C-alpha cells in the first residue's frame, strides 16, 4: 500500500452492486442486554424480509455490537434511506447515524459459503 505522510491508502475495485445501495446504520445505545438486542435485530430483519417479499428493495445483512462502546452497527441493502429508517423506527430501533457504504469484501453471514466460522474478537458480539 502506498503511503503519504504516514497515511495508508487502499485502491478499491468497483463491485457489481452500486455503492449507494449499501448502508451502515450506527446506534449508540445505553448499556445493552445482548439477548434483547438480538431480539430487536431479528424483528427488524424479519420486517425487511416481509417488505422485500412485498416489493420493497430492502435487505438486512448483518449487525455487530461493541459492548465497550455501547454501539451497534447494522448493514443493510436498500434502494432508499427513507425505507431503511422507517423499518427501524417502526420497531423502536433508533438510527443515530446512517451512511452510504462500500463493501470491500463479502463477509455477510447470510452469503458466506465457507464451512469455517471466523472467531469474534473478545469484547465484540456479532448479532
C-alpha atoms as a PDB file:
ATOM      1  CA  UNK A   1       0.000   0.000   0.000  1.00  0.00           C
ATOM      2  CA  UNK A   2       1.434   3.396  -0.872  1.00  0.00           C
ATOM      3  CA  UNK A   3       1.738   5.851   1.960  1.00  0.00           C
ATOM      4  CA  UNK A   4       1.661   9.602   2.032  1.00  0.00           C
ATOM      5  CA  UNK A   5       2.700  11.406   5.176  1.00  0.00           C
ATOM      6  CA  UNK A   6       2.201   8.210   7.197  1.00  0.00           C
ATOM      7  CA  UNK A   7      -1.329   7.615   5.861  1.00  0.00           C
ATOM      8  CA  UNK A   8      -2.131   4.266   4.270  1.00  0.00           C
ATOM      9  CA  UNK A   9      -4.298   4.291   1.177  1.00  0.00           C
ATOM     10  CA  UNK A  10      -6.177   1.407  -0.399  1.00  0.00           C
ATOM     11  CA  UNK A  11      -7.192   1.118  -4.034  1.00  0.00           C
ATOM     12  CA  UNK A  12     -10.717  -0.295  -4.232  1.00  0.00           C
ATOM     13  CA  UNK A  13     -12.047  -2.124  -7.292  1.00  0.00           C
ATOM     14  CA  UNK A  14     -15.720  -1.370  -8.016  1.00  0.00           C
ATOM     15  CA  UNK A  15     -18.180  -4.142  -7.178  1.00  0.00           C
ATOM     16  CA  UNK A  16     -21.131  -5.150  -9.311  1.00  0.00           C
ATOM     17  CA  UNK A  17     -23.558  -3.648  -6.757  1.00  0.00           C
ATOM     18  CA  UNK A  18     -23.744   0.172  -6.803  1.00  0.00           C
ATOM     19  CA  UNK A  19     -22.188   1.548  -3.590  1.00  0.00           C
ATOM     20  CA  UNK A  20     -25.226   3.715  -2.769  1.00  0.00           C
ATOM     21  CA  UNK A  21     -27.316   0.564  -2.237  1.00  0.00           C
ATOM     22  CA  UNK A  22     -25.337  -0.426   0.862  1.00  0.00           C
ATOM     23  CA  UNK A  23     -25.940   1.430   4.131  1.00  0.00           C
ATOM     24  CA  UNK A  24     -24.329   1.355   7.558  1.00  0.00           C
ATOM     25  CA  UNK A  25     -26.612   2.208  10.470  1.00  0.00           C
ATOM     26  CA  UNK A  26     -24.933   3.266  13.707  1.00  0.00           C
ATOM     27  CA  UNK A  27     -26.777   3.107  17.004  1.00  0.00           C
ATOM     28  CA  UNK A  28     -25.380   4.479  20.246  1.00  0.00           C
ATOM     29  CA  UNK A  29     -27.175   2.563  22.967  1.00  0.00           C
ATOM     30  CA  UNK A  30     -27.296   2.593  26.730  1.00  0.00           C
ATOM     31  CA  UNK A  31     -25.652  -0.499  28.217  1.00  0.00           C
ATOM     32  CA  UNK A  32     -27.471  -3.184  26.254  1.00  0.00           C
ATOM     33  CA  UNK A  33     -28.583  -6.671  27.081  1.00  0.00           C
ATOM     34  CA  UNK A  34     -27.198  -8.643  24.137  1.00  0.00           C
ATOM     35  CA  UNK A  35     -30.170 -11.053  24.088  1.00  0.00           C
ATOM     36  CA  UNK A  36     -32.657  -8.164  23.925  1.00  0.00           C
ATOM     37  CA  UNK A  37     -30.571  -6.514  21.206  1.00  0.00           C
ATOM     38  CA  UNK A  38     -30.557  -9.784  19.219  1.00  0.00           C
ATOM     39  CA  UNK A  39     -34.353  -9.945  19.503  1.00  0.00           C
ATOM     40  CA  UNK A  40     -34.808  -6.405  18.142  1.00  0.00           C
ATOM     41  CA  UNK A  41     -32.352  -7.046  15.312  1.00  0.00           C
ATOM     42  CA  UNK A  42     -34.231 -10.263  14.454  1.00  0.00           C
ATOM     43  CA  UNK A  43     -37.548  -8.354  14.297  1.00  0.00           C
ATOM     44  CA  UNK A  44     -36.034  -5.716  12.001  1.00  0.00           C
ATOM     45  CA  UNK A  45     -34.539  -8.457   9.800  1.00  0.00           C
ATOM     46  CA  UNK A  46     -37.933 -10.225   9.556  1.00  0.00           C
ATOM     47  CA  UNK A  47     -39.624  -6.944   8.642  1.00  0.00           C
ATOM     48  CA  UNK A  48     -37.040  -6.369   5.921  1.00  0.00           C
ATOM     49  CA  UNK A  49     -37.765  -9.864   4.548  1.00  0.00           C
ATOM     50  CA  UNK A  50     -41.529  -9.183   4.592  1.00  0.00           C
ATOM     51  CA  UNK A  51     -41.124  -5.792   2.896  1.00  0.00           C
ATOM     52  CA  UNK A  52     -38.795  -7.309   0.313  1.00  0.00           C
ATOM     53  CA  UNK A  53     -41.379 -10.032  -0.452  1.00  0.00           C
ATOM     54  CA  UNK A  54     -43.946  -7.243  -0.937  1.00  0.00           C
ATOM     55  CA  UNK A  55     -41.677  -5.473  -3.433  1.00  0.00           C
ATOM     56  CA  UNK A  56     -39.636  -3.025  -1.323  1.00  0.00           C
ATOM     57  CA  UNK A  57     -35.930  -3.162  -2.164  1.00  0.00           C
ATOM     58  CA  UNK A  58     -34.643  -3.625   1.399  1.00  0.00           C
ATOM     59  CA  UNK A  59     -32.434  -6.357   2.850  1.00  0.00           C
ATOM     60  CA  UNK A  60     -30.850  -6.759   6.283  1.00  0.00           C
ATOM     61  CA  UNK A  61     -27.305  -8.160   6.024  1.00  0.00           C
ATOM     62  CA  UNK A  62     -25.726  -8.272   9.489  1.00  0.00           C
ATOM     63  CA  UNK A  63     -25.045  -6.469  12.768  1.00  0.00           C
ATOM     64  CA  UNK A  64     -22.145  -6.151  15.161  1.00  0.00           C
ATOM     65  CA  UNK A  65     -22.433  -4.886  18.739  1.00  0.00           C
ATOM     66  CA  UNK A  66     -19.410  -3.411  20.506  1.00  0.00           C
ATOM     67  CA  UNK A  67     -20.162  -3.575  24.248  1.00  0.00           C
ATOM     68  CA  UNK A  68     -17.187  -1.457  25.307  1.00  0.00           C
ATOM     69  CA  UNK A  69     -18.611   1.383  23.185  1.00  0.00           C
ATOM     70  CA  UNK A  70     -22.334   0.616  23.649  1.00  0.00           C
ATOM     71  CA  UNK A  71     -22.546   0.824  19.862  1.00  0.00           C
ATOM     72  CA  UNK A  72     -24.359  -1.363  17.357  1.00  0.00           C
ATOM     73  CA  UNK A  73     -23.526  -1.303  13.643  1.00  0.00           C
ATOM     74  CA  UNK A  74     -26.080  -2.758  11.212  1.00  0.00           C
ATOM     75  CA  UNK A  75     -25.572  -3.208   7.475  1.00  0.00           C
ATOM     76  CA  UNK A  76     -28.459  -3.122   5.006  1.00  0.00           C
ATOM     77  CA  UNK A  77     -29.011  -3.046   1.270  1.00  0.00           C
ATOM     78  CA  UNK A  78     -31.720  -0.573   0.338  1.00  0.00           C
ATOM     79  CA  UNK A  79     -32.906   1.486  -2.583  1.00  0.00           C
ATOM     80  CA  UNK A  80     -33.981   4.230  -0.207  1.00  0.00           C
ATOM     81  CA  UNK A  81     -32.635   5.579   3.086  1.00  0.00           C
ATOM     82  CA  UNK A  82     -36.240   6.537   3.894  1.00  0.00           C
ATOM     83  CA  UNK A  83     -37.406   2.892   3.735  1.00  0.00           C
ATOM     84  CA  UNK A  84     -34.451   1.842   5.856  1.00  0.00           C
ATOM     85  CA  UNK A  85     -35.112   4.461   8.533  1.00  0.00           C
ATOM     86  CA  UNK A  86     -38.845   3.676   8.562  1.00  0.00           C
ATOM     87  CA  UNK A  87     -38.433  -0.062   9.180  1.00  0.00           C
ATOM     88  CA  UNK A  88     -36.000   0.576  12.046  1.00  0.00           C
ATOM     89  CA  UNK A  89     -38.147   3.231  13.689  1.00  0.00           C
ATOM     90  CA  UNK A  90     -41.241   1.014  13.371  1.00  0.00           C
ATOM     91  CA  UNK A  91     -39.512  -1.354  15.815  1.00  0.00           C
ATOM     92  CA  UNK A  92     -38.302   1.394  18.146  1.00  0.00           C
ATOM     93  CA  UNK A  93     -34.740   0.836  16.940  1.00  0.00           C
ATOM     94  CA  UNK A  94     -33.413   4.344  16.560  1.00  0.00           C
ATOM     95  CA  UNK A  95     -30.964   5.336  13.846  1.00  0.00           C
ATOM     96  CA  UNK A  96     -28.286   7.639  15.223  1.00  0.00           C
ATOM     97  CA  UNK A  97     -26.293   7.800  12.013  1.00  0.00           C
ATOM     98  CA  UNK A  98     -26.986   6.476   8.522  1.00  0.00           C
ATOM     99  CA  UNK A  99     -24.222   6.385   5.930  1.00  0.00           C
ATOM    100  CA  UNK A 100     -23.921   5.082   2.389  1.00  0.00           C
ATOM    101  CA  UNK A 101     -21.220   2.410   2.471  1.00  0.00           C
ATOM    102  CA  UNK A 102     -18.952   0.427   0.163  1.00  0.00           C
ATOM    103  CA  UNK A 103     -18.229  -3.245   0.904  1.00  0.00           C
ATOM    104  CA  UNK A 104     -14.561  -4.060   0.472  1.00  0.00           C
ATOM    105  CA  UNK A 105     -15.194  -7.787   0.814  1.00  0.00           C
ATOM    106  CA  UNK A 106     -18.187 -10.057   1.261  1.00  0.00           C
ATOM    107  CA  UNK A 107     -18.324 -11.190   4.885  1.00  0.00           C
ATOM    108  CA  UNK A 108     -22.095 -11.237   5.096  1.00  0.00           C
ATOM    109  CA  UNK A 109     -23.255 -14.023   7.380  1.00  0.00           C
ATOM    110  CA  UNK A 110     -26.151 -14.847   5.071  1.00  0.00           C
ATOM    111  CA  UNK A 111     -23.970 -15.247   1.967  1.00  0.00           C
ATOM    112  CA  UNK A 112     -20.889 -16.890   3.488  1.00  0.00           C
ATOM    113  CA  UNK A 113     -20.314 -20.331   1.977  1.00  0.00           C
ATOM    114  CA  UNK A 114     -17.195 -21.350   3.886  1.00  0.00           C
ATOM    115  CA  UNK A 115     -17.821 -24.124   6.434  1.00  0.00           C
ATOM    116  CA  UNK A 116     -15.439 -22.469   8.885  1.00  0.00           C
ATOM    117  CA  UNK A 117     -16.654 -19.713  11.170  1.00  0.00           C
ATOM    118  CA  UNK A 118     -14.400 -16.791  11.859  1.00  0.00           C
ATOM    119  CA  UNK A 119     -13.964 -16.076  15.520  1.00  0.00           C
ATOM    120  CA  UNK A 120     -15.421 -12.946  17.038  1.00  0.00           C
ATOM    121  CA  UNK A 121     -12.795 -10.779  18.791  1.00  0.00           C
ATOM    122  CA  UNK A 122     -13.020 -10.556  22.567  1.00  0.00           C
ATOM    123  CA  UNK A 123     -15.386  -7.770  23.572  1.00  0.00           C
ATOM    124  CA  UNK A 124     -17.327  -7.850  20.291  1.00  0.00           C
ATOM    125  CA  UNK A 125     -20.573  -9.692  19.645  1.00  0.00           C
ATOM    126  CA  UNK A 126     -21.879 -10.472  16.191  1.00  0.00           C
ATOM    127  CA  UNK A 127     -25.669 -10.406  16.295  1.00  0.00           C
END
